[in-house]
Amino acid sequence: MRYPPKPLVISWLSLLALLALTVCLAYLPLGALNAPVALAIATLKSLIVAGVFMELRHRSGLTRAFAAAGFVWLLVLLWLAGVDYITRAQFPPALLH
């Protein structure tokens, strides 16, 4: 019987641990830190997936550069969404119903 490679098992276990951490933290009242903590955990998960399952560890510099550009673009989009949310005017309560 063949066993899966050790890096795959370690990455799978770490993704399961991060999933459990995400679920546990969803029930804790973190207030304003809820979104940053969730985004940090999601970033760790995406780095594990990119490094292990997409095999970016064994790729050339150009492939890594394009993957990094994708992450930078994601950060730009998240930043723009955050700025949009922060700078929106509050609607009067009468208009919400």
PDB file of N, CA and C in Angstrom:
ATOM      1  N   MET A   1       0.832  -1.181   0.000  1.00  0.00           N
ATOM      2  CA  MET A   1       0.000   0.000   0.000  1.00  0.00           C
ATOM      3  C   MET A   1       0.878   1.246   0.000  1.00  0.00           C
ATOM      4  N   ARG A   2       0.576   2.171  -0.928  1.00  0.00           N
ATOM      5  CA  ARG A   2       1.348   3.415  -1.019  1.00  0.00           C
ATOM      6  C   ARG A   2       0.704   4.487  -0.164  1.00  0.00           C
ATOM      7  N   TYR A   3       1.529   5.219   0.522  1.00  0.00           N
ATOM      8  CA  TYR A   3       1.063   6.326   1.334  1.00  0.00           C
ATOM      9  C   TYR A   3       1.264   7.632   0.572  1.00  0.00           C
ATOM     10  N   PRO A   4       0.441   8.638   0.833  1.00  0.00           N
ATOM     11  CA  PRO A   4       0.625   9.922   0.145  1.00  0.00           C
ATOM     12  C   PRO A   4       1.915  10.600   0.613  1.00  0.00           C
ATOM     13  N   PRO A   5       2.465  11.471  -0.212  1.00  0.00           N
ATOM     14  CA  PRO A   5       3.696  12.168   0.188  1.00  0.00           C
ATOM     15  C   PRO A   5       3.490  12.980   1.465  1.00  0.00           C
ATOM     16  N   LYS A   6       4.539  13.059   2.243  1.00  0.00           N
ATOM     17  CA  LYS A   6       4.464  13.729   3.533  1.00  0.00           C
ATOM     18  C   LYS A   6       4.051  15.205   3.433  1.00  0.00           C
ATOM     19  N   PRO A   7       4.565  15.986   2.451  1.00  0.00           N
ATOM     20  CA  PRO A   7       4.124  17.391   2.354  1.00  0.00           C
ATOM     21  C   PRO A   7       2.618  17.538   2.115  1.00  0.00           C
ATOM     22  N   LEU A   8       2.025  16.610   1.380  1.00  0.00           N
ATOM     23  CA  LEU A   8       0.583  16.684   1.144  1.00  0.00           C
ATOM     24  C   LEU A   8      -0.201  16.424   2.423  1.00  0.00           C
ATOM     25  N   VAL A   9       0.261  15.481   3.213  1.00  0.00           N
ATOM     26  CA  VAL A   9      -0.421  15.175   4.469  1.00  0.00           C
ATOM     27  C   VAL A   9      -0.293  16.344   5.442  1.00  0.00           C
ATOM     28  N   ILE A  10       0.901  16.921   5.523  1.00  0.00           N
ATOM     29  CA  ILE A  10       1.118  18.057   6.416  1.00  0.00           C
ATOM     30  C   ILE A  10       0.274  19.248   5.986  1.00  0.00           C
ATOM     31  N   SER A  11       0.223  19.529   4.690  1.00  0.00           N
ATOM     32  CA  SER A  11      -0.580  20.654   4.219  1.00  0.00           C
ATOM     33  C   SER A  11      -2.065  20.407   4.437  1.00  0.00           C
ATOM     34  N   TRP A  12      -2.498  19.173   4.252  1.00  0.00           N
ATOM     35  CA  TRP A  12      -3.913  18.843   4.476  1.00  0.00           C
ATOM     36  C   TRP A  12      -4.264  19.028   5.952  1.00  0.00           C
ATOM     37  N   LEU A  13      -3.401  18.550   6.836  1.00  0.00           N
ATOM     38  CA  LEU A  13      -3.644  18.712   8.265  1.00  0.00           C
ATOM     39  C   LEU A  13      -3.621  20.175   8.683  1.00  0.00           C
ATOM     40  N   SER A  14      -2.714  20.949   8.093  1.00  0.00           N
ATOM     41  CA  SER A  14      -2.669  22.373   8.437  1.00  0.00           C
ATOM     42  C   SER A  14      -3.904  23.105   7.909  1.00  0.00           C
ATOM     43  N   LEU A  15      -4.396  22.728   6.732  1.00  0.00           N
ATOM     44  CA  LEU A  15      -5.632  23.331   6.232  1.00  0.00           C
ATOM     45  C   LEU A  15      -6.824  22.961   7.110  1.00  0.00           C
ATOM     46  N   LEU A  16      -6.864  21.732   7.599  1.00  0.00           N
ATOM     47  CA  LEU A  16      -7.931  21.340   8.521  1.00  0.00           C
ATOM     48  C   LEU A  16      -7.836  22.102   9.840  1.00  0.00           C
ATOM     49  N   ALA A  17      -6.616  22.306  10.328  1.00  0.00           N
ATOM     50  CA  ALA A  17      -6.435  23.062  11.573  1.00  0.00           C
ATOM     51  C   ALA A  17      -6.857  24.516  11.392  1.00  0.00           C
ATOM     52  N   LEU A  18      -6.514  25.108  10.249  1.00  0.00           N
ATOM     53  CA  LEU A  18      -6.933  26.486   9.986  1.00  0.00           C
ATOM     54  C   LEU A  18      -8.443  26.584   9.811  1.00  0.00           C
ATOM     55  N   LEU A  19      -9.045  25.561   9.235  1.00  0.00           N
ATOM     56  CA  LEU A  19     -10.501  25.531   9.127  1.00  0.00           C
ATOM     57  C   LEU A  19     -11.138  25.483  10.507  1.00  0.00           C
ATOM     58  N   ALA A  20     -10.615  24.645  11.390  1.00  0.00           N
ATOM     59  CA  ALA A  20     -11.140  24.566  12.750  1.00  0.00           C
ATOM     60  C   ALA A  20     -10.947  25.887  13.484  1.00  0.00           C
ATOM     61  N   LEU A  21      -9.806  26.532  13.269  1.00  0.00           N
ATOM     62  CA  LEU A  21      -9.557  27.833  13.876  1.00  0.00           C
ATOM     63  C   LEU A  21     -10.546  28.878  13.364  1.00  0.00           C
ATOM     64  N   THR A  22     -10.844  28.837  12.076  1.00  0.00           N
ATOM     65  CA  THR A  22     -11.815  29.762  11.497  1.00  0.00           C
ATOM     66  C   THR A  22     -13.188  29.561  12.115  1.00  0.00           C
ATOM     67  N   VAL A  23     -13.601  28.323  12.242  1.00  0.00           N
ATOM     68  CA  VAL A  23     -14.920  28.036  12.824  1.00  0.00           C
ATOM     69  C   VAL A  23     -14.967  28.469  14.282  1.00  0.00           C
ATOM     70  N   CYS A  24     -13.910  28.191  15.044  1.00  0.00           N
ATOM     71  CA  CYS A  24     -13.885  28.586  16.458  1.00  0.00           C
ATOM     72  C   CYS A  24     -13.903  30.102  16.617  1.00  0.00           C
ATOM     73  N   LEU A  25     -13.126  30.801  15.798  1.00  0.00           N
ATOM     74  CA  LEU A  25     -13.075  32.257  15.903  1.00  0.00           C
ATOM     75  C   LEU A  25     -14.353  32.924  15.416  1.00  0.00           C
ATOM     76  N   ALA A  26     -15.149  32.223  14.626  1.00  0.00           N
ATOM     77  CA  ALA A  26     -16.413  32.793  14.163  1.00  0.00           C
ATOM     78  C   ALA A  26     -17.388  32.966  15.320  1.00  0.00           C
ATOM     79  N   TYR A  27     -17.228  32.197  16.371  1.00  0.00           N
ATOM     80  CA  TYR A  27     -18.125  32.283  17.517  1.00  0.00           C
ATOM     81  C   TYR A  27     -17.590  33.173  18.641  1.00  0.00           C
ATOM     82  N   LEU A  28     -16.377  33.702  18.485  1.00  0.00           N
ATOM     83  CA  LEU A  28     -15.821  34.596  19.490  1.00  0.00           C
ATOM     84  C   LEU A  28     -16.156  36.043  19.136  1.00  0.00           C
ATOM     85  N   PRO A  29     -16.528  36.851  20.108  1.00  0.00           N
ATOM     86  CA  PRO A  29     -16.826  38.264  19.824  1.00  0.00           C
ATOM     87  C   PRO A  29     -15.536  39.085  19.732  1.00  0.00           C
ATOM     88  N   LEU A  30     -14.966  39.164  18.546  1.00  0.00           N
ATOM     89  CA  LEU A  30     -13.709  39.892  18.358  1.00  0.00           C
ATOM     90  C   LEU A  30     -13.914  41.357  18.009  1.00  0.00           C
ATOM     91  N   GLY A  31     -15.144  41.731  17.713  1.00  0.00           N
ATOM     92  CA  GLY A  31     -15.433  43.123  17.383  1.00  0.00           C
ATOM     93  C   GLY A  31     -14.825  43.520  16.054  1.00  0.00           C
ATOM     94  N   ALA A  32     -14.029  44.581  16.086  1.00  0.00           N
ATOM     95  CA  ALA A  32     -13.432  45.112  14.856  1.00  0.00           C
ATOM     96  C   ALA A  32     -12.326  44.212  14.312  1.00  0.00           C
ATOM     97  N   LEU A  33     -11.815  43.310  15.122  1.00  0.00           N
ATOM     98  CA  LEU A  33     -10.735  42.424  14.666  1.00  0.00           C
ATOM     99  C   LEU A  33     -11.243  41.185  13.942  1.00  0.00           C
ATOM    100  N   ASN A  34     -12.538  41.024  13.856  1.00  0.00           N
ATOM    101  CA  ASN A  34     -13.101  39.825  13.232  1.00  0.00           C
ATOM    102  C   ASN A  34     -12.677  39.693  11.771  1.00  0.00           C
ATOM    103  N   ALA A  35     -12.861  40.741  10.988  1.00  0.00           N
ATOM    104  CA  ALA A  35     -12.511  40.686   9.566  1.00  0.00           C
ATOM    105  C   ALA A  35     -11.006  40.545   9.338  1.00  0.00           C
ATOM    106  N   PRO A  36     -10.144  41.327  10.011  1.00  0.00           N
ATOM    107  CA  PRO A  36      -8.701  41.144   9.779  1.00  0.00           C
ATOM    108  C   PRO A  36      -8.188  39.755  10.152  1.00  0.00           C
ATOM    109  N   VAL A  37      -8.704  39.193  11.232  1.00  0.00           N
ATOM    110  CA  VAL A  37      -8.268  37.846  11.638  1.00  0.00           C
ATOM    111  C   VAL A  37      -8.726  36.816  10.610  1.00  0.00           C
ATOM    112  N   ALA A  38      -9.967  36.942  10.149  1.00  0.00           N
ATOM    113  CA  ALA A  38     -10.472  36.011   9.131  1.00  0.00           C
ATOM    114  C   ALA A  38      -9.683  36.134   7.833  1.00  0.00           C
ATOM    115  N   LEU A  39      -9.339  37.353   7.435  1.00  0.00           N
ATOM    116  CA  LEU A  39      -8.544  37.542   6.220  1.00  0.00           C
ATOM    117  C   LEU A  39      -7.121  36.998   6.384  1.00  0.00           C
ATOM    118  N   ALA A  40      -6.556  37.129   7.564  1.00  0.00           N
ATOM    119  CA  ALA A  40      -5.210  36.581   7.799  1.00  0.00           C
ATOM    120  C   ALA A  40      -5.223  35.058   7.700  1.00  0.00           C
ATOM    121  N   ILE A  41      -6.243  34.429   8.269  1.00  0.00           N
ATOM    122  CA  ILE A  41      -6.349  32.968   8.180  1.00  0.00           C
ATOM    123  C   ILE A  41      -6.566  32.543   6.727  1.00  0.00           C
ATOM    124  N   ALA A  42      -7.406  33.275   6.007  1.00  0.00           N
ATOM    125  CA  ALA A  42      -7.637  32.956   4.591  1.00  0.00           C
ATOM    126  C   ALA A  42      -6.362  33.133   3.769  1.00  0.00           C
ATOM    127  N   THR A  43      -5.556  34.126   4.111  1.00  0.00           N
ATOM    128  CA  THR A  43      -4.287  34.324   3.411  1.00  0.00           C
ATOM    129  C   THR A  43      -3.346  33.150   3.660  1.00  0.00           C
ATOM    130  N   LEU A  44      -3.282  32.682   4.895  1.00  0.00           N
ATOM    131  CA  LEU A  44      -2.449  31.500   5.189  1.00  0.00           C
ATOM    132  C   LEU A  44      -2.917  30.281   4.406  1.00  0.00           C
ATOM    133  N   LYS A  45      -4.233  30.094   4.336  1.00  0.00           N
ATOM    134  CA  LYS A  45      -4.763  28.955   3.573  1.00  0.00           C
ATOM    135  C   LYS A  45      -4.388  29.067   2.103  1.00  0.00           C
ATOM    136  N   SER A  46      -4.517  30.271   1.544  1.00  0.00           N
ATOM    137  CA  SER A  46      -4.203  30.426   0.121  1.00  0.00           C
ATOM    138  C   SER A  46      -2.710  30.233  -0.143  1.00  0.00           C
ATOM    139  N   LEU A  47      -1.859  30.650   0.788  1.00  0.00           N
ATOM    140  CA  LEU A  47      -0.425  30.427   0.610  1.00  0.00           C
ATOM    141  C   LEU A  47      -0.074  28.951   0.677  1.00  0.00           C
ATOM    142  N   ILE A  48      -0.741  28.209   1.538  1.00  0.00           N
ATOM    143  CA  ILE A  48      -0.510  26.760   1.605  1.00  0.00           C
ATOM    144  C   ILE A  48      -0.941  26.098   0.300  1.00  0.00           C
ATOM    145  N   VAL A  49      -2.104  26.483  -0.195  1.00  0.00           N
ATOM    146  CA  VAL A  49      -2.591  25.903  -1.453  1.00  0.00           C
ATOM    147  C   VAL A  49      -1.658  26.260  -2.605  1.00  0.00           C
ATOM    148  N   ALA A  50      -1.225  27.518  -2.654  1.00  0.00           N
ATOM    149  CA  ALA A  50      -0.337  27.937  -3.744  1.00  0.00           C
ATOM    150  C   ALA A  50       1.020  27.242  -3.655  1.00  0.00           C
ATOM    151  N   GLY A  51       1.537  27.123  -2.463  1.00  0.00           N
ATOM    152  CA  GLY A  51       2.866  26.537  -2.314  1.00  0.00           C
ATOM    153  C   GLY A  51       2.906  25.034  -2.517  1.00  0.00           C
ATOM    154  N   VAL A  52       1.884  24.343  -2.050  1.00  0.00           N
ATOM    155  CA  VAL A  52       1.920  22.874  -2.079  1.00  0.00           C
ATOM    156  C   VAL A  52       1.156  22.319  -3.273  1.00  0.00           C
ATOM    157  N   PHE A  53      -0.117  22.680  -3.388  1.00  0.00           N
ATOM    158  CA  PHE A  53      -0.944  22.050  -4.414  1.00  0.00           C
ATOM    159  C   PHE A  53      -0.714  22.633  -5.816  1.00  0.00           C
ATOM    160  N   MET A  54      -0.373  23.928  -5.889  1.00  0.00           N
ATOM    161  CA  MET A  54      -0.040  24.511  -7.185  1.00  0.00           C
ATOM    162  C   MET A  54       1.441  24.330  -7.509  1.00  0.00           C
ATOM    163  N   GLU A  55       2.189  23.782  -6.562  1.00  0.00           N
ATOM    164  CA  GLU A  55       3.616  23.475  -6.702  1.00  0.00           C
ATOM    165  C   GLU A  55       4.448  24.694  -7.088  1.00  0.00           C
ATOM    166  N   LEU A  56       4.137  25.833  -6.500  1.00  0.00           N
ATOM    167  CA  LEU A  56       4.923  27.031  -6.782  1.00  0.00           C
ATOM    168  C   LEU A  56       6.326  26.944  -6.182  1.00  0.00           C
ATOM    169  N   ARG A  57       6.530  26.042  -5.248  1.00  0.00           N
ATOM    170  CA  ARG A  57       7.863  25.878  -4.661  1.00  0.00           C
ATOM    171  C   ARG A  57       8.861  25.387  -5.701  1.00  0.00           C
ATOM    172  N   HIS A  58       8.373  24.631  -6.678  1.00  0.00           N
ATOM    173  CA  HIS A  58       9.272  24.010  -7.650  1.00  0.00           C
ATOM    174  C   HIS A  58       9.222  24.701  -9.012  1.00  0.00           C
ATOM    175  N   ARG A  59       8.612  25.859  -9.110  1.00  0.00           N
ATOM    176  CA  ARG A  59       8.463  26.551 -10.388  1.00  0.00           C
ATOM    177  C   ARG A  59       9.531  27.617 -10.568  1.00  0.00           C
ATOM    178  N   SER A  60       9.588  28.144 -11.789  1.00  0.00           N
ATOM    179  CA  SER A  60      10.583  29.167 -12.109  1.00  0.00           C
ATOM    180  C   SER A  60      10.180  30.507 -11.494  1.00  0.00           C
ATOM    181  N   GLY A  61      11.113  31.443 -11.577  1.00  0.00           N
ATOM    182  CA  GLY A  61      10.867  32.770 -11.026  1.00  0.00           C
ATOM    183  C   GLY A  61       9.744  33.507 -11.726  1.00  0.00           C
ATOM    184  N   LEU A  62       9.586  33.294 -13.031  1.00  0.00           N
ATOM    185  CA  LEU A  62       8.536  33.977 -13.777  1.00  0.00           C
ATOM    186  C   LEU A  62       7.154  33.505 -13.334  1.00  0.00           C
ATOM    187  N   THR A  63       7.005  32.217 -13.105  1.00  0.00           N
ATOM    188  CA  THR A  63       5.721  31.693 -12.630  1.00  0.00           C
ATOM    189  C   THR A  63       5.410  32.217 -11.244  1.00  0.00           C
ATOM    190  N   ARG A  64       6.414  32.283 -10.392  1.00  0.00           N
ATOM    191  CA  ARG A  64       6.213  32.839  -9.053  1.00  0.00           C
ATOM    192  C   ARG A  64       5.860  34.312  -9.121  1.00  0.00           C
ATOM    193  N   ALA A  65       6.458  35.039 -10.055  1.00  0.00           N
ATOM    194  CA  ALA A  65       6.169  36.468 -10.205  1.00  0.00           C
ATOM    195  C   ALA A  65       4.715  36.681 -10.619  1.00  0.00           C
ATOM    196  N   PHE A  66       4.215  35.858 -11.533  1.00  0.00           N
ATOM    197  CA  PHE A  66       2.815  35.994 -11.943  1.00  0.00           C
ATOM    198  C   PHE A  66       1.865  35.606 -10.812  1.00  0.00           C
ATOM    199  N   ALA A  67       2.224  34.608 -10.026  1.00  0.00           N
ATOM    200  CA  ALA A  67       1.399  34.250  -8.880  1.00  0.00           C
ATOM    201  C   ALA A  67       1.407  35.374  -7.849  1.00  0.00           C
ATOM    202  N   ALA A  68       2.558  35.979  -7.624  1.00  0.00           N
ATOM    203  CA  ALA A  68       2.643  37.108  -6.693  1.00  0.00           C
ATOM    204  C   ALA A  68       1.842  38.297  -7.219  1.00  0.00           C
ATOM    205  N   ALA A  69       1.847  38.498  -8.530  1.00  0.00           N
ATOM    206  CA  ALA A  69       1.056  39.584  -9.110  1.00  0.00           C
ATOM    207  C   ALA A  69      -0.436  39.353  -8.875  1.00  0.00           C
ATOM    208  N   GLY A  70      -0.859  38.115  -8.920  1.00  0.00           N
ATOM    209  CA  GLY A  70      -2.255  37.803  -8.608  1.00  0.00           C
ATOM    210  C   GLY A  70      -2.601  38.144  -7.169  1.00  0.00           C
ATOM    211  N   PHE A  71      -1.700  37.839  -6.238  1.00  0.00           N
ATOM    212  CA  PHE A  71      -1.932  38.183  -4.840  1.00  0.00           C
ATOM    213  C   PHE A  71      -1.935  39.693  -4.631  1.00  0.00           C
ATOM    214  N   VAL A  72      -1.044  40.397  -5.333  1.00  0.00           N
ATOM    215  CA  VAL A  72      -1.025  41.861  -5.232  1.00  0.00           C
ATOM    216  C   VAL A  72      -2.334  42.437  -5.759  1.00  0.00           C
ATOM    217  N   TRP A  73      -2.820  41.899  -6.862  1.00  0.00           N
ATOM    218  CA  TRP A  73      -4.090  42.367  -7.412  1.00  0.00           C
ATOM    219  C   TRP A  73      -5.234  42.099  -6.432  1.00  0.00           C
ATOM    220  N   LEU A  74      -5.208  40.962  -5.771  1.00  0.00           N
ATOM    221  CA  LEU A  74      -6.215  40.670  -4.755  1.00  0.00           C
ATOM    222  C   LEU A  74      -6.147  41.677  -3.616  1.00  0.00           C
ATOM    223  N   LEU A  75      -4.939  42.037  -3.172  1.00  0.00           N
ATOM    224  CA  LEU A  75      -4.791  43.043  -2.126  1.00  0.00           C
ATOM    225  C   LEU A  75      -5.327  44.396  -2.565  1.00  0.00           C
ATOM    226  N   VAL A  76      -5.084  44.769  -3.823  1.00  0.00           N
ATOM    227  CA  VAL A  76      -5.611  46.035  -4.344  1.00  0.00           C
ATOM    228  C   VAL A  76      -7.137  46.015  -4.326  1.00  0.00           C
ATOM    229  N   LEU A  77      -7.740  44.922  -4.757  1.00  0.00           N
ATOM    230  CA  LEU A  77      -9.200  44.825  -4.760  1.00  0.00           C
ATOM    231  C   LEU A  77      -9.772  44.876  -3.348  1.00  0.00           C
ATOM    232  N   LEU A  78      -9.139  44.187  -2.409  1.00  0.00           N
ATOM    233  CA  LEU A  78      -9.597  44.235  -1.022  1.00  0.00           C
ATOM    234  C   LEU A  78      -9.444  45.635  -0.440  1.00  0.00           C
ATOM    235  N   TRP A  79      -8.350  46.306  -0.768  1.00  0.00           N
ATOM    236  CA  TRP A  79      -8.144  47.667  -0.302  1.00  0.00           C
ATOM    237  C   TRP A  79      -9.209  48.599  -0.868  1.00  0.00           C
ATOM    238  N   LEU A  80      -9.490  48.497  -2.150  1.00  0.00           N
ATOM    239  CA  LEU A  80     -10.518  49.346  -2.756  1.00  0.00           C
ATOM    240  C   LEU A  80     -11.896  49.075  -2.157  1.00  0.00           C
ATOM    241  N   ALA A  81     -12.203  47.822  -1.904  1.00  0.00           N
ATOM    242  CA  ALA A  81     -13.482  47.494  -1.285  1.00  0.00           C
ATOM    243  C   ALA A  81     -13.555  48.066   0.130  1.00  0.00           C
ATOM    244  N   GLY A  82     -12.468  47.995   0.870  1.00  0.00           N
ATOM    245  CA  GLY A  82     -12.439  48.562   2.214  1.00  0.00           C
ATOM    246  C   GLY A  82     -12.595  50.070   2.220  1.00  0.00           C
ATOM    247  N   VAL A  83     -11.913  50.749   1.300  1.00  0.00           N
ATOM    248  CA  VAL A  83     -12.045  52.201   1.196  1.00  0.00           C
ATOM    249  C   VAL A  83     -13.469  52.579   0.797  1.00  0.00           C
ATOM    250  N   ASP A  84     -14.058  51.845  -0.108  1.00  0.00           N
ATOM    251  CA  ASP A  84     -15.434  52.107  -0.506  1.00  0.00           C
ATOM    252  C   ASP A  84     -16.381  51.946   0.675  1.00  0.00           C
ATOM    253  N   TYR A  85     -16.187  50.926   1.457  1.00  0.00           N
ATOM    254  CA  TYR A  85     -17.056  50.679   2.613  1.00  0.00           C
ATOM    255  C   TYR A  85     -16.889  51.769   3.675  1.00  0.00           C
ATOM    256  N   ILE A  86     -15.649  52.162   3.930  1.00  0.00           N
ATOM    257  CA  ILE A  86     -15.382  53.148   4.976  1.00  0.00           C
ATOM    258  C   ILE A  86     -15.902  54.536   4.598  1.00  0.00           C
ATOM    259  N   THR A  87     -15.780  54.894   3.336  1.00  0.00           N
ATOM    260  CA  THR A  87     -16.130  56.253   2.924  1.00  0.00           C
ATOM    261  C   THR A  87     -17.578  56.423   2.505  1.00  0.00           C
ATOM    262  N   ARG A  88     -18.383  55.401   2.548  1.00  0.00           N
ATOM    263  CA  ARG A  88     -19.796  55.555   2.196  1.00  0.00           C
ATOM    264  C   ARG A  88     -20.532  56.350   3.262  1.00  0.00           C
ATOM    265  N   ALA A  89     -21.452  57.191   2.784  1.00  0.00           N
ATOM    266  CA  ALA A  89     -22.273  57.957   3.715  1.00  0.00           C
ATOM    267  C   ALA A  89     -23.313  57.027   4.349  1.00  0.00           C
ATOM    268  N   GLN A  90     -23.635  57.301   5.586  1.00  0.00           N
ATOM    269  CA  GLN A  90     -24.641  56.513   6.269  1.00  0.00           C
ATOM    270  C   GLN A  90     -26.026  56.951   5.777  1.00  0.00           C
ATOM    271  N   PHE A  91     -26.851  55.997   5.399  1.00  0.00           N
ATOM    272  CA  PHE A  91     -28.188  56.319   4.945  1.00  0.00           C
ATOM    273  C   PHE A  91     -29.081  56.593   6.142  1.00  0.00           C
ATOM    274  N   PRO A  92     -30.022  57.525   6.008  1.00  0.00           N
ATOM    275  CA  PRO A  92     -30.970  57.735   7.099  1.00  0.00           C
ATOM    276  C   PRO A  92     -31.808  56.478   7.333  1.00  0.00           C
ATOM    277  N   PRO A  93     -32.178  56.205   8.594  1.00  0.00           N
ATOM    278  CA  PRO A  93     -32.937  54.985   8.886  1.00  0.00           C
ATOM    279  C   PRO A  93     -34.284  54.907   8.147  1.00  0.00           C
ATOM    280  N   ALA A  94     -34.873  56.050   7.802  1.00  0.00           N
ATOM    281  CA  ALA A  94     -36.173  56.033   7.125  1.00  0.00           C
ATOM    282  C   ALA A  94     -36.053  55.458   5.716  1.00  0.00           C
ATOM    283  N   LEU A  95     -34.896  55.616   5.093  1.00  0.00           N
ATOM    284  CA  LEU A  95     -34.731  55.119   3.725  1.00  0.00           C
ATOM    285  C   LEU A  95     -34.438  53.630   3.674  1.00  0.00           C
ATOM    286  N   LEU A  96     -34.082  53.028   4.760  1.00  0.00           N
ATOM    287  CA  LEU A  96     -33.720  51.613   4.761  1.00  0.00           C
ATOM    288  C   LEU A  96     -34.940  50.695   4.772  1.00  0.00           C
ATOM    289  N   HIS A  97     -36.112  51.189   5.113  1.00  0.00           N
ATOM    290  CA  HIS A  97     -37.305  50.333   5.199  1.00  0.00           C
ATOM    291  C   HIS A  97     -38.068  50.327   3.933  1.00  0.00           C
TER     292      HIS A  97
END
